Amino acid sequence: MSGMINIHGPRAGKYLVEFRTDDGRTLGLFVPASHGEVLGVLQEAMPYGLLVRDVVGTGRDTTHSTPGLDSDQD
C-alpha cells in the first residue's frame, strides 16, 4: 500500500478528505461543500498524491513554524 489522498462526497453538505500514510495511518478533514472548489486546486497541485519525507534530527523546533514565514529567515 502506498500513501494516498481520497476525497469522498459531497455528503450531508461536506466533503471528507482522507490522507493515508503508507503504513495505514489516516487523517481526515471535512471541507464544507460551499468551499469545495479548493479540492479541485488540491487535485491539480498533487495529481499523484502528497509526498512528505520524514525529517529527523534537524536540531530545530518546527512545531509552530510556517515555511517561508519563520522569523529567522530573510
N, C-alpha and C. Protein backbone atom coordinates (compact mmCIF):
# COMPACT_ATOMS: atom_id res chain seq x y z
N MET A 1 0.85 -1.18 0.00
CA MET A 1 0.00 0.00 0.00
C MET A 1 0.89 1.24 0.00
N SER A 2 0.51 2.24 -0.73
CA SER A 2 1.26 3.49 -0.74
C SER A 2 0.39 4.60 -0.16
N GLY A 3 1.03 5.69 0.27
CA GLY A 3 0.29 6.82 0.80
C GLY A 3 -0.62 7.41 -0.26
N MET A 4 -1.78 7.89 0.15
CA MET A 4 -2.71 8.45 -0.83
C MET A 4 -3.65 9.45 -0.19
N ILE A 5 -4.33 10.18 -1.05
CA ILE A 5 -5.36 11.13 -0.64
C ILE A 5 -6.65 10.72 -1.33
N ASN A 6 -7.71 10.55 -0.56
CA ASN A 6 -9.03 10.24 -1.12
C ASN A 6 -10.00 11.36 -0.75
N ILE A 7 -10.85 11.71 -1.70
CA ILE A 7 -11.87 12.72 -1.45
C ILE A 7 -13.23 12.05 -1.61
N HIS A 8 -14.02 12.09 -0.54
CA HIS A 8 -15.34 11.45 -0.53
C HIS A 8 -16.41 12.53 -0.43
N GLY A 9 -17.49 12.38 -1.20
CA GLY A 9 -18.59 13.31 -1.04
C GLY A 9 -18.95 14.02 -2.32
N PRO A 10 -19.77 15.01 -2.25
CA PRO A 10 -20.30 15.61 -1.02
C PRO A 10 -21.40 14.75 -0.41
N ARG A 11 -21.44 14.80 0.88
CA ARG A 11 -22.45 14.08 1.65
C ARG A 11 -22.79 14.94 2.86
N ALA A 12 -24.05 15.16 3.07
CA ALA A 12 -24.53 15.99 4.19
C ALA A 12 -23.88 17.37 4.16
N GLY A 13 -23.64 17.91 2.95
CA GLY A 13 -23.13 19.27 2.83
C GLY A 13 -21.64 19.43 3.03
N LYS A 14 -20.89 18.31 3.02
CA LYS A 14 -19.44 18.42 3.19
C LYS A 14 -18.72 17.28 2.48
N TYR A 15 -17.45 17.52 2.21
CA TYR A 15 -16.55 16.52 1.64
C TYR A 15 -15.65 16.01 2.75
N LEU A 16 -15.25 14.76 2.66
CA LEU A 16 -14.24 14.21 3.56
C LEU A 16 -12.97 14.00 2.75
N VAL A 17 -11.89 14.65 3.18
CA VAL A 17 -10.59 14.48 2.55
C VAL A 17 -9.79 13.58 3.48
N GLU A 18 -9.41 12.41 2.98
CA GLU A 18 -8.72 11.43 3.81
C GLU A 18 -7.28 11.29 3.33
N PHE A 19 -6.33 11.55 4.21
CA PHE A 19 -4.91 11.38 3.95
C PHE A 19 -4.50 10.06 4.60
N ARG A 20 -3.86 9.18 3.84
CA ARG A 20 -3.46 7.87 4.37
C ARG A 20 -1.97 7.67 4.13
N THR A 21 -1.24 7.29 5.18
CA THR A 21 0.19 7.03 5.04
C THR A 21 0.40 5.62 4.52
N ASP A 22 1.62 5.34 4.09
CA ASP A 22 1.90 4.01 3.55
C ASP A 22 1.81 2.92 4.60
N ASP A 23 1.87 3.28 5.89
CA ASP A 23 1.72 2.27 6.95
C ASP A 23 0.28 2.20 7.49
N GLY A 24 -0.66 2.89 6.83
CA GLY A 24 -2.08 2.74 7.17
C GLY A 24 -2.67 3.78 8.10
N ARG A 25 -1.88 4.71 8.61
CA ARG A 25 -2.43 5.77 9.46
C ARG A 25 -3.22 6.74 8.61
N THR A 26 -4.28 7.32 9.19
CA THR A 26 -5.13 8.23 8.43
C THR A 26 -5.39 9.53 9.19
N LEU A 27 -5.68 10.55 8.41
CA LEU A 27 -6.11 11.84 8.92
C LEU A 27 -7.23 12.30 8.01
N GLY A 28 -8.36 12.65 8.58
CA GLY A 28 -9.48 13.11 7.78
C GLY A 28 -9.82 14.56 8.08
N LEU A 29 -10.14 15.30 7.04
CA LEU A 29 -10.55 16.69 7.17
C LEU A 29 -11.89 16.87 6.47
N PHE A 30 -12.79 17.60 7.10
CA PHE A 30 -14.05 17.92 6.47
C PHE A 30 -13.95 19.29 5.80
N VAL A 31 -14.43 19.37 4.58
CA VAL A 31 -14.47 20.61 3.82
C VAL A 31 -15.93 20.88 3.47
N PRO A 32 -16.47 22.03 3.89
CA PRO A 32 -17.86 22.33 3.54
C PRO A 32 -18.04 22.35 2.02
N ALA A 33 -19.17 21.83 1.55
CA ALA A 33 -19.45 21.80 0.11
C ALA A 33 -19.39 23.20 -0.49
N SER A 34 -19.71 24.22 0.30
CA SER A 34 -19.66 25.60 -0.19
C SER A 34 -18.23 26.04 -0.52
N HIS A 35 -17.22 25.32 -0.02
CA HIS A 35 -15.82 25.62 -0.29
C HIS A 35 -15.16 24.49 -1.08
N GLY A 36 -15.96 23.70 -1.76
CA GLY A 36 -15.47 22.55 -2.50
C GLY A 36 -14.50 22.88 -3.62
N GLU A 37 -14.48 24.13 -4.08
CA GLU A 37 -13.57 24.50 -5.17
C GLU A 37 -12.11 24.32 -4.77
N VAL A 38 -11.79 24.39 -3.49
CA VAL A 38 -10.41 24.21 -3.06
C VAL A 38 -9.94 22.78 -3.32
N LEU A 39 -10.86 21.84 -3.39
CA LEU A 39 -10.48 20.45 -3.63
C LEU A 39 -9.97 20.27 -5.06
N GLY A 40 -10.53 21.02 -6.00
CA GLY A 40 -10.03 20.98 -7.37
C GLY A 40 -8.60 21.49 -7.44
N VAL A 41 -8.31 22.53 -6.69
CA VAL A 41 -6.95 23.08 -6.64
C VAL A 41 -6.00 22.04 -6.04
N LEU A 42 -6.45 21.36 -4.98
CA LEU A 42 -5.65 20.32 -4.34
C LEU A 42 -5.35 19.19 -5.32
N GLN A 43 -6.35 18.76 -6.07
CA GLN A 43 -6.16 17.67 -7.03
C GLN A 43 -5.23 18.09 -8.17
N GLU A 44 -5.32 19.33 -8.62
CA GLU A 44 -4.43 19.81 -9.69
C GLU A 44 -3.00 19.92 -9.20
N ALA A 45 -2.82 20.39 -7.97
CA ALA A 45 -1.48 20.61 -7.44
C ALA A 45 -0.78 19.29 -7.09
N MET A 46 -1.56 18.28 -6.75
CA MET A 46 -0.97 17.00 -6.35
C MET A 46 -1.66 15.84 -7.08
N PRO A 47 -1.50 15.74 -8.40
CA PRO A 47 -2.21 14.71 -9.15
C PRO A 47 -1.80 13.28 -8.77
N TYR A 48 -0.62 13.11 -8.20
CA TYR A 48 -0.15 11.78 -7.82
C TYR A 48 -0.10 11.61 -6.31
N GLY A 49 -0.76 12.47 -5.58
CA GLY A 49 -0.77 12.38 -4.12
C GLY A 49 0.23 13.32 -3.49
N LEU A 50 0.42 13.14 -2.22
CA LEU A 50 1.27 14.01 -1.43
C LEU A 50 2.44 13.20 -0.90
N LEU A 51 3.65 13.69 -1.08
CA LEU A 51 4.83 13.02 -0.58
C LEU A 51 5.57 14.00 0.32
N VAL A 52 5.70 13.61 1.58
CA VAL A 52 6.43 14.42 2.55
C VAL A 52 7.43 13.51 3.22
N ARG A 53 8.70 13.82 3.10
CA ARG A 53 9.71 12.96 3.70
C ARG A 53 9.79 13.21 5.20
N ASP A 54 10.18 12.20 5.94
CA ASP A 54 10.38 12.35 7.37
C ASP A 54 11.66 13.12 7.61
N VAL A 55 11.61 14.10 8.49
CA VAL A 55 12.77 14.89 8.85
C VAL A 55 13.08 14.61 10.30
N VAL A 56 14.25 14.04 10.54
CA VAL A 56 14.63 13.66 11.89
C VAL A 56 15.95 14.34 12.24
N GLY A 57 16.02 14.88 13.46
CA GLY A 57 17.28 15.41 13.95
C GLY A 57 17.74 16.69 13.28
N THR A 58 16.82 17.60 12.96
CA THR A 58 17.22 18.85 12.34
C THR A 58 17.79 19.83 13.35
N GLY A 59 17.56 19.56 14.65
CA GLY A 59 18.04 20.47 15.68
C GLY A 59 17.20 21.72 15.79
N ARG A 60 16.08 21.74 15.12
CA ARG A 60 15.22 22.92 15.09
C ARG A 60 13.81 22.54 15.49
N ASP A 61 13.18 23.33 16.31
CA ASP A 61 11.80 23.07 16.70
C ASP A 61 10.89 23.57 15.59
N THR A 62 10.27 22.63 14.88
CA THR A 62 9.39 23.01 13.77
C THR A 62 7.92 22.86 14.14
N THR A 63 7.64 22.73 15.43
CA THR A 63 6.27 22.53 15.89
C THR A 63 5.34 23.65 15.43
N HIS A 64 5.81 24.89 15.47
CA HIS A 64 4.96 26.03 15.14
C HIS A 64 5.48 26.83 13.95
N SER A 65 6.36 26.24 13.15
CA SER A 65 6.92 27.01 12.04
C SER A 65 6.02 26.98 10.82
N THR A 66 6.12 28.01 10.04
CA THR A 66 5.41 28.11 8.77
C THR A 66 6.45 28.35 7.69
N PRO A 67 6.56 27.42 6.72
CA PRO A 67 7.57 27.61 5.69
C PRO A 67 7.48 28.98 5.03
N GLY A 68 8.62 29.65 4.94
CA GLY A 68 8.68 30.96 4.31
C GLY A 68 8.30 32.11 5.22
N LEU A 69 7.78 31.80 6.42
CA LEU A 69 7.36 32.85 7.33
C LEU A 69 8.08 32.82 8.66
N ASP A 70 9.07 31.94 8.82
CA ASP A 70 9.82 31.88 10.07
C ASP A 70 10.57 33.18 10.30
N SER A 71 10.63 33.61 11.54
CA SER A 71 11.26 34.89 11.86
C SER A 71 12.76 34.88 11.65
N ASP A 72 13.41 33.70 11.65
CA ASP A 72 14.86 33.65 11.48
C ASP A 72 15.28 33.55 10.02
N GLN A 73 14.34 33.62 9.09
CA GLN A 73 14.64 33.58 7.67
C GLN A 73 14.56 34.98 7.07
N ASP A 74 15.47 35.30 6.16
CA ASP A 74 15.43 36.60 5.48
C ASP A 74 15.02 36.44 4.05
